[in-house]
Protein backbone atom coordinates (compact mmCIF):
# COMPACT_ATOMS: atom_id res chain seq x y z
CA UNK A 1 101.97 71.38 101.33
CA UNK A 2 103.89 74.38 102.03
CA UNK A 3 102.04 76.97 104.43
CA UNK A 4 102.47 80.48 105.77
CA UNK A 5 101.67 81.02 109.33
CA UNK A 6 98.81 83.62 109.86
CA UNK A 7 101.19 85.06 112.58
CA UNK A 8 103.72 85.74 109.88
CA UNK A 9 101.51 88.53 108.20
CA UNK A 10 102.29 91.51 109.45
CA UNK A 11 99.35 93.36 111.43
CA UNK A 12 97.99 96.61 109.71
CA UNK A 13 99.20 99.08 112.51
CA UNK A 14 96.53 101.06 114.69
CA UNK A 15 97.13 104.37 113.00
CA UNK A 16 96.79 103.04 109.18
CA UNK A 17 93.37 101.17 110.17
CA UNK A 18 90.36 102.61 108.09
CA UNK A 19 88.02 101.87 110.60
CA UNK A 20 90.24 103.71 113.39
CA UNK A 21 90.64 106.94 110.87
CA UNK A 22 87.19 107.32 110.62
CA UNK A 23 85.68 106.02 113.49
CA UNK A 24 87.75 109.06 115.32
CA UNK A 25 87.04 111.35 112.32
CA UNK A 26 83.05 110.68 113.17
CA UNK A 27 83.77 110.96 116.61
CA UNK A 28 85.69 114.37 117.12
CA UNK A 29 84.76 116.04 113.81
CA UNK A 30 81.33 115.03 114.21
CA UNK A 31 80.02 113.67 117.43
CA UNK A 32 81.36 116.60 119.55
CA UNK A 33 80.88 119.40 117.59
CA UNK A 34 77.04 118.62 116.99
CA UNK A 35 76.58 117.57 120.36
CA UNK A 36 77.77 120.72 121.69
CA UNK A 37 75.49 122.52 119.55
CA UNK A 38 72.18 120.26 120.28
CA UNK A 39 73.05 121.29 123.96
CA UNK A 40 74.69 124.26 124.80
CA UNK A 41 72.06 126.40 121.96
CA UNK A 42 68.88 125.78 123.39
CA UNK A 43 66.96 127.89 121.11
CA UNK A 44 68.50 126.52 117.67
CA UNK A 45 65.79 124.41 115.67
CA UNK A 46 66.46 120.74 116.06
CA UNK A 47 66.14 120.33 112.04
CA UNK A 48 69.24 122.69 111.87
CA UNK A 49 71.12 120.26 114.34
CA UNK A 50 70.16 117.48 112.23
CA UNK A 51 70.88 118.94 108.66
CA UNK A 52 74.29 120.27 110.61
CA UNK A 53 75.05 116.90 111.61
CA UNK A 54 74.81 115.04 108.00
CA UNK A 55 76.43 117.71 105.89
CA UNK A 56 79.59 117.34 108.79
CA UNK A 57 79.30 113.36 107.89
CA UNK A 58 79.12 113.87 104.57
CA UNK A 59 82.32 116.40 104.69
CA UNK A 60 84.43 114.19 106.54
CA UNK A 61 83.54 110.91 104.37
CA UNK A 62 84.29 113.01 100.89
CA UNK A 63 87.23 114.69 102.02
CA UNK A 64 88.65 111.10 103.55
CA UNK A 65 87.76 109.43 99.68
CA UNK A 66 89.66 112.76 98.43
CA UNK A 67 92.62 112.43 100.52
CA UNK A 68 92.97 108.34 100.00
CA UNK A 69 92.34 108.85 96.05
CA UNK A 70 94.89 111.47 96.24
CA UNK A 71 97.60 110.08 98.02
CA UNK A 72 98.11 106.47 96.44
CA UNK A 73 100.21 108.14 93.99
CA UNK A 74 104.32 107.68 94.76
CA UNK A 75 106.19 110.36 96.69
CA UNK A 76 103.31 111.56 99.03
CA UNK A 77 103.76 112.43 102.55
CA UNK A 78 99.51 112.10 103.64
CA UNK A 79 99.15 114.82 105.79
CA UNK A 80 100.37 117.63 103.99
CA UNK A 81 97.11 117.05 101.64
CA UNK A 82 94.66 116.96 104.89
CA UNK A 83 93.82 120.20 104.92
CA UNK A 84 92.96 120.62 100.86
CA UNK A 85 91.53 117.16 100.67
CA UNK A 86 88.94 118.28 103.30
CA UNK A 87 88.88 122.08 102.60
CA UNK A 88 87.35 120.85 99.03
CA UNK A 89 85.24 118.53 100.34
CA UNK A 90 83.48 120.80 103.53
CA UNK A 91 83.33 123.51 100.40
CA UNK A 92 81.66 121.15 98.04
CA UNK A 93 79.05 120.39 100.95
CA UNK A 94 78.47 124.16 101.70
CA UNK A 95 77.87 124.73 98.21
CA UNK A 96 74.99 121.73 97.96
CA UNK A 97 73.84 123.72 101.48
CA UNK A 98 73.67 126.95 99.95
CA UNK A 99 72.40 125.54 96.45
CA UNK A 100 69.46 123.73 97.79
CA UNK A 101 68.64 126.50 100.50
CA UNK A 102 69.21 124.31 103.72
CA UNK A 103 69.37 125.62 106.54
CA UNK A 104 72.97 124.87 109.20
CA UNK A 105 75.39 126.04 112.14
CA UNK A 106 78.30 127.73 110.63
CA UNK A 107 79.85 127.41 113.95
CA UNK A 108 79.22 123.67 114.11
CA UNK A 109 81.08 123.70 110.49
CA UNK A 110 83.56 125.50 111.12
CA UNK A 111 84.61 123.52 114.53
CA UNK A 112 83.65 120.54 112.88
CA UNK A 113 86.50 121.47 109.62
CA UNK A 114 89.26 122.22 112.53
CA UNK A 115 88.96 119.31 114.58
CA UNK A 116 88.54 116.66 111.13
CA UNK A 117 91.71 118.61 110.13
CA UNK A 118 93.56 117.93 113.42
CA UNK A 119 92.51 114.64 113.88
CA UNK A 120 93.69 113.08 110.31
CA UNK A 121 96.89 115.20 110.29
CA UNK A 122 97.73 113.28 113.87
CA UNK A 123 97.13 110.26 112.68
CA UNK A 124 99.16 110.22 109.63
CA UNK A 125 101.91 111.52 111.85
CA UNK A 126 101.48 108.72 114.07
CA UNK A 127 100.92 106.26 111.12
CA UNK A 128 104.34 107.71 109.65
CA UNK A 129 106.34 107.41 112.85
CA UNK A 130 105.30 103.61 113.48
CA UNK A 131 108.13 102.52 111.27
CA UNK A 132 108.38 101.85 107.62
CA UNK A 133 107.18 98.56 106.06
CA UNK A 134 108.89 95.67 105.55
CA UNK A 135 109.04 93.58 102.59
CA UNK A 136 110.07 90.32 101.09
CA UNK A 137 112.32 89.71 98.20
CA UNK A 138 112.09 86.53 96.23
CA UNK A 139 115.65 86.19 95.12
CA UNK A 140 114.69 85.58 90.93
CA UNK A 141 114.14 87.07 88.13
CA UNK A 142 115.07 91.33 87.87
CA UNK A 143 114.59 92.06 91.14
CA UNK A 144 117.74 94.08 91.33
CA UNK A 145 118.45 97.91 91.81
CA UNK A 146 114.84 97.99 93.72
CA UNK A 147 114.46 102.03 94.55
CA UNK A 148 115.28 103.14 97.53
CA UNK A 149 112.42 104.85 99.62
CA UNK A 150 111.24 106.37 102.63
CA UNK A 151 109.74 103.74 104.91
CA UNK A 152 110.44 100.48 102.91
CA UNK A 153 113.01 98.21 103.94
CA UNK A 154 113.92 95.28 101.80
CA UNK A 155 114.70 91.93 102.78
CA UNK A 156 116.10 89.42 100.94
CA UNK A 157 114.56 85.53 101.33
CA UNK A 158 117.09 82.79 101.31
CA UNK A 159 114.23 79.96 101.44
CA UNK A 160 110.80 79.79 100.84
CA UNK A 161 109.23 80.83 104.35
CA UNK A 162 109.13 84.12 106.62
CA UNK A 163 111.76 84.32 109.02
CA UNK A 164 109.43 87.11 110.94
CA UNK A 165 106.69 89.56 110.22
CA UNK A 166 106.27 91.36 106.58
CA UNK A 167 104.12 93.86 105.32
CA UNK A 168 104.55 92.53 101.77
CA UNK A 169 106.08 90.30 99.36
CA UNK A 170 108.14 91.35 95.76
CA UNK A 171 108.73 89.02 92.91
CA UNK A 172 109.42 89.35 89.65
CA UNK A 173 106.12 87.19 88.47
CA UNK A 174 107.57 86.67 85.10
CA UNK A 175 110.48 84.92 85.69
CA UNK A 176 111.13 81.45 86.07
CA UNK A 177 110.60 80.34 89.86
CA UNK A 178 111.06 77.28 91.01
CA UNK A 179 108.24 75.26 92.13
CA UNK A 180 108.25 75.24 95.61
CA UNK A 181 108.66 79.04 95.38
CA UNK A 182 105.35 79.46 93.97
CA UNK A 183 103.69 77.56 96.10
CA UNK A 184 105.03 79.75 99.12
CA UNK A 185 104.12 82.90 97.19
CA UNK A 186 100.29 81.10 96.35
CA UNK A 187 100.03 80.80 100.05
CA UNK A 188 101.11 83.57 101.06
CA UNK A 189 98.44 85.20 99.16
CA UNK A 190 95.90 82.91 100.54
CA UNK A 191 97.04 84.62 103.70
CA UNK A 192 96.39 87.71 103.03
CA UNK A 193 100.00 88.94 102.96
CA UNK A 194 100.20 91.64 99.48
CA UNK A 195 102.53 89.78 96.60
CA UNK A 196 103.75 92.23 94.37
CA UNK A 197 105.33 92.11 90.78
CA UNK A 198 108.54 93.93 90.86
CA UNK A 199 107.53 96.04 87.93
CA UNK A 200 104.56 96.97 89.26
CA UNK A 201 105.49 98.39 92.99
CA UNK A 202 109.05 100.33 91.08
CA UNK A 203 106.36 102.23 89.18
CA UNK A 204 104.65 102.47 92.87
CA UNK A 205 107.38 103.72 94.44
CA UNK A 206 109.46 106.41 91.44
CA UNK A 207 105.68 107.40 89.70
CA UNK A 208 107.16 106.10 86.31
CA UNK A 209 107.01 103.59 83.76
CA UNK A 210 109.51 102.07 81.53
CA UNK A 211 107.89 100.80 78.56
CA UNK A 212 109.99 97.76 76.84
CA UNK A 213 107.24 97.31 74.27
CA UNK A 214 103.63 98.71 73.57
CA UNK A 215 100.85 96.19 75.18
CA UNK A 216 98.65 96.03 77.44
CA UNK A 217 101.38 94.63 80.23
CA UNK A 218 102.82 98.20 80.47
CA UNK A 219 99.94 100.72 79.81
CA UNK A 220 96.84 98.85 80.75
CA UNK A 221 95.35 100.07 77.21
CA UNK A 222 97.01 102.32 74.44
CA UNK A 223 94.20 104.70 74.37
CA UNK A 224 93.54 106.53 77.90
CA UNK A 225 89.47 106.57 79.03
CA UNK A 226 89.03 108.76 76.82
CA UNK A 227 85.22 109.73 78.72
CA UNK A 228 87.64 111.56 80.71
CA UNK A 229 89.14 113.33 78.14
CA UNK A 230 86.16 114.74 76.26
CA UNK A 231 84.90 115.95 80.21
CA UNK A 232 87.96 117.33 80.73
CA UNK A 233 88.30 119.39 77.52
CA UNK A 234 84.77 120.74 79.05
CA UNK A 235 86.47 121.70 82.19
CA UNK A 236 89.55 123.04 80.78
CA UNK A 237 87.69 125.38 78.20
CA UNK A 238 85.59 126.62 81.37
CA UNK A 239 88.56 127.21 83.53
CA UNK A 240 90.19 129.04 80.82
CA UNK A 241 87.78 131.25 80.40
CA UNK A 242 87.26 132.17 84.26
CA UNK A 243 90.69 132.23 85.30
CA UNK A 244 91.64 134.20 81.84
CA UNK A 245 89.11 136.84 82.93
CA UNK A 246 90.21 137.19 86.15
CA UNK A 247 94.07 137.37 85.59
CA UNK A 248 93.36 139.36 82.32
CA UNK A 249 95.00 142.93 84.21
CA UNK A 250 97.53 140.71 86.24
CA UNK A 251 98.85 139.21 82.46
CA UNK A 252 98.67 142.90 81.34
CA UNK A 253 101.01 144.12 83.51
CA UNK A 254 103.34 141.43 83.44
CA UNK A 255 103.80 141.80 79.69
CA UNK A 256 104.56 145.43 80.54
CA UNK A 257 107.17 144.79 82.86
CA UNK A 258 108.61 142.33 80.20
CA UNK A 259 109.04 145.05 77.78
CA UNK A 260 110.49 147.41 80.46
CA UNK A 261 112.51 144.97 81.87
CA UNK A 262 114.42 144.25 78.14
CA UNK A 263 114.27 145.44 74.19
CA UNK A 264 111.69 142.32 72.52
CA UNK A 265 107.57 141.43 72.55
CA UNK A 266 106.41 140.57 75.64
CA UNK A 267 105.32 137.19 74.19
CA UNK A 268 107.51 134.39 72.87
CA UNK A 269 105.63 132.39 70.15
CA UNK A 270 107.38 129.08 68.86
CA UNK A 271 106.13 125.80 67.19
CA UNK A 272 105.52 122.75 69.05
CA UNK A 273 104.32 119.47 68.37
CA UNK A 274 101.06 118.73 70.24
CA UNK A 275 97.74 116.29 70.92
CA UNK A 276 98.34 112.95 68.46
CA UNK A 277 101.65 114.84 66.91
CA UNK A 278 99.92 117.80 65.39
CA UNK A 279 101.95 121.02 65.70
CA UNK A 280 100.50 124.04 67.14
CA UNK A 281 101.92 127.68 67.99
CA UNK A 282 102.29 127.79 71.79
CA UNK A 283 102.35 131.09 73.82
CA UNK A 284 104.35 132.43 76.73
CA UNK A 285 105.90 135.24 78.33
CA UNK A 286 109.25 136.44 77.06
CA UNK A 287 111.94 135.40 79.92
CA UNK A 288 115.03 135.71 77.75
CA UNK A 289 116.70 138.27 75.48
CA UNK A 290 115.18 138.41 72.24
CA UNK A 291 116.76 136.67 69.41
CA UNK A 292 114.83 136.56 66.33
CA UNK A 293 117.07 134.67 64.04
CA UNK A 294 117.06 131.68 66.45
CA UNK A 295 115.77 128.12 64.71
CA UNK A 296 118.22 125.57 65.20
CA UNK A 297 118.31 123.05 67.85
CA UNK A 298 120.70 124.20 69.85
CA UNK A 299 118.96 127.77 70.51
CA UNK A 300 115.68 125.91 71.30
CA UNK A 301 117.07 123.93 74.46
CA UNK A 302 117.04 125.83 77.60
CA UNK A 303 119.94 124.94 79.35
CA UNK A 304 120.13 125.55 83.39
CA UNK A 305 121.47 128.76 84.68
CA UNK A 306 120.83 129.73 80.77
CA UNK A 307 122.58 133.34 80.14
CA UNK A 308 119.98 134.31 78.11
CA UNK A 309 117.40 134.29 80.54
CA UNK A 310 116.38 138.44 81.91
CA UNK A 311 116.49 138.90 85.49
CA UNK A 312 112.60 138.77 85.49
CA UNK A 313 112.56 136.08 83.49
CA UNK A 314 113.95 134.16 86.51
CA UNK A 315 111.22 134.65 88.50
CA UNK A 316 108.55 134.08 85.90
CA UNK A 317 109.86 130.78 85.52
CA UNK A 318 110.55 129.44 88.99
CA UNK A 319 106.74 130.87 89.77
CA UNK A 320 105.31 129.22 86.47
CA UNK A 321 103.70 132.65 85.57
CA UNK A 322 105.48 132.69 82.03
CA UNK A 323 103.22 129.74 81.01
CA UNK A 324 99.69 131.46 82.00
CA UNK A 325 99.49 133.35 78.18
CA UNK A 326 99.13 129.32 77.00
CA UNK A 327 95.37 130.22 78.49
CA UNK A 328 94.69 131.19 74.78
CA UNK A 329 95.97 127.48 73.66
CA UNK A 330 93.50 126.08 76.15
CA UNK A 331 90.74 127.93 74.70
CA UNK A 332 91.75 126.81 70.79
CA UNK A 333 91.85 123.47 72.51
CA UNK A 334 95.32 123.00 72.02
CA UNK A 335 96.08 122.48 75.17
CA UNK A 336 94.93 121.33 78.36
CA UNK A 337 95.98 122.74 82.09
CA UNK A 338 97.53 119.01 82.89
CA UNK A 339 99.73 116.80 80.47
CA UNK A 340 103.01 116.30 79.08
CA UNK A 341 104.57 119.34 78.15
CA UNK A 342 104.81 120.38 74.44
CA UNK A 343 108.37 120.44 72.71
CA UNK A 344 109.85 122.72 70.27
CA UNK A 345 108.69 121.08 67.26
CA UNK A 346 112.88 120.67 65.82
CA UNK A 347 113.85 119.14 69.54
CA UNK A 348 110.49 116.81 69.14
CA UNK A 349 111.20 115.63 66.28
CA UNK A 350 114.72 114.46 67.41
CA UNK A 351 113.86 112.92 70.24
CA UNK A 352 111.30 110.80 68.51
CA UNK A 353 114.28 109.72 66.19
CA UNK A 354 116.45 108.69 68.78
CA UNK A 355 114.18 107.52 72.26
CA UNK A 356 112.10 104.57 71.71
CA UNK A 357 108.03 105.70 72.15
CA UNK A 358 108.74 109.15 72.63
CA UNK A 359 106.08 109.95 69.95
CA UNK A 360 103.32 108.04 72.29
CA UNK A 361 103.31 110.98 75.05
CA UNK A 362 101.34 112.76 72.16
CA UNK A 363 98.36 110.14 72.90
CA UNK A 364 97.19 113.25 75.11
CA UNK A 365 96.71 116.43 75.23
CA UNK A 366 99.88 118.83 76.18
CA UNK A 367 99.56 120.80 79.72
CA UNK A 368 100.52 124.05 80.94
CA UNK A 369 102.00 121.45 83.70
CA UNK A 370 102.14 117.96 84.32
CA UNK A 371 103.34 114.86 86.65
CA UNK A 372 107.15 115.29 85.44
CA UNK A 373 107.02 118.86 85.96
CA UNK A 374 106.37 118.51 89.48
CA UNK A 375 108.86 115.67 89.92
CA UNK A 376 111.93 116.38 87.70
CA UNK A 377 111.36 119.72 85.60
CA UNK A 378 112.92 121.32 82.79
CA UNK A 379 115.68 118.83 81.31
CA UNK A 380 117.63 119.08 78.10
CA UNK A 381 120.27 116.09 77.73
CA UNK A 382 118.61 112.77 75.86
CA UNK A 383 119.24 111.01 78.93
CA UNK A 384 117.51 113.29 80.86
CA UNK A 385 114.75 113.45 78.52
CA UNK A 386 114.25 109.67 78.18
CA UNK A 387 114.11 109.85 82.09
CA UNK A 388 111.48 112.29 82.18
CA UNK A 389 109.69 110.16 79.68
CA UNK A 390 109.08 107.47 81.99
CA UNK A 391 106.96 110.10 84.33
CA UNK A 392 105.04 111.09 81.08
CA UNK A 393 104.44 107.33 80.77
CA UNK A 394 102.78 106.77 84.60
CA UNK A 395 100.92 109.42 84.02
CA UNK A 396 99.30 108.22 80.96
CA UNK A 397 98.63 104.81 82.81
CA UNK A 398 97.51 106.37 85.48
CA UNK A 399 95.31 109.29 83.80
CA UNK A 400 92.34 110.00 86.26
CA UNK A 401 90.86 113.29 87.84
CA UNK A 402 92.85 112.34 91.08
CA UNK A 403 96.44 112.44 89.71
CA UNK A 404 95.48 116.00 87.91
CA UNK A 405 94.58 117.26 90.88
CA UNK A 406 97.32 115.96 92.85
CA UNK A 407 99.43 117.88 90.30
CA UNK A 408 97.44 120.96 90.25
CA UNK A 409 98.38 121.43 94.03
CA UNK A 410 101.97 120.56 93.81
CA UNK A 411 101.96 123.07 91.02
CA UNK A 412 100.71 125.69 93.10
CA UNK A 413 103.19 124.63 96.13
CA UNK A 414 105.82 125.66 93.46
CA UNK A 415 103.93 129.07 92.66
CA UNK A 416 103.50 130.04 95.87
CA UNK A 417 106.64 129.18 97.75
CA UNK A 418 109.06 129.03 94.50
CA UNK A 419 110.04 125.48 96.11
CA UNK A 420 109.49 122.46 93.82
CA UNK A 421 110.58 121.26 90.47
CA UNK A 422 112.53 123.85 88.34
């Protein structure tokens, strides 16, 4: 029987091991601050020390869970999401303490947060510098044109055996693979070496799903997680109420600037296709010169460096501020904060006719921002739309609160810095 020696399986690097990451977090961000609190402040009650210790431990565990849940998606630099993840977890824990009126030490929480962020940022930088993953490629089926990615090295195997240490194997598990190679893959998996189907790995690297036919193999389920859809509708509505109330003066100010910048109304309204393929009227801040007679397909397409865009409009588009009036669409239940962008009805009907499975993107509510927007941005040509559609399918397949949180973070970075997909 073909065997794979255990020493051929590349051991996990020190900094990537969960027990090292969490253990260091507990030591530096929990044990040290609580010990300092306990032995340098004599008058503080023991109950406060104990409750503070419990609180920072909960914060570290929750933050680590948030971080790992978000960074499983493609293209993520884990160290970038350390601060948002632990900021959310510490804020959540403090909110619980405030709600239940539990005593705690602000100094212990603050020092714990700073040490925690420093520790996890440092170990993820070290893990990244340790070198990339070495993946062996089984040379059968559709394994050509594997995507390049930072930190990944593809090595094509010439025989069913491992010459050196590997982090994983990739194969086209639907192809006709010779028996000795199938035995090699089985033994590799038994010995603890990860074996990926090539399509699964492509999706994980690119953040895109290409549908060949509608089946459970492509999307897991043709209908996304309905319970989460209902929960998110409530969150969307409450969020739109709060944000709309807070931003109302700012939105009125932007509307006034638009009226002063160029002739025409402050708002732009257009028929678009939304959830389940139903048309609705979207609202945006006007960013182009007013042309009330434009209704054909060419006029509906916004080109790169489009001369119709006003000076103020370029700023509003770059920062995504032009999308904020769609808060009204969210309140009406026509849109969500996150989802595939709704296309103009005249374009959507054209795309449905020209691109297979395009209509399937309407299975979730459209959003102000989405996975395609933070990865690719606005496109107009058919081949670009088809490429962008694969991002929408990835979002549908991996529909979850964690992906939504990631999209929100990346959108916030674009709004605050102007950097990101256009």
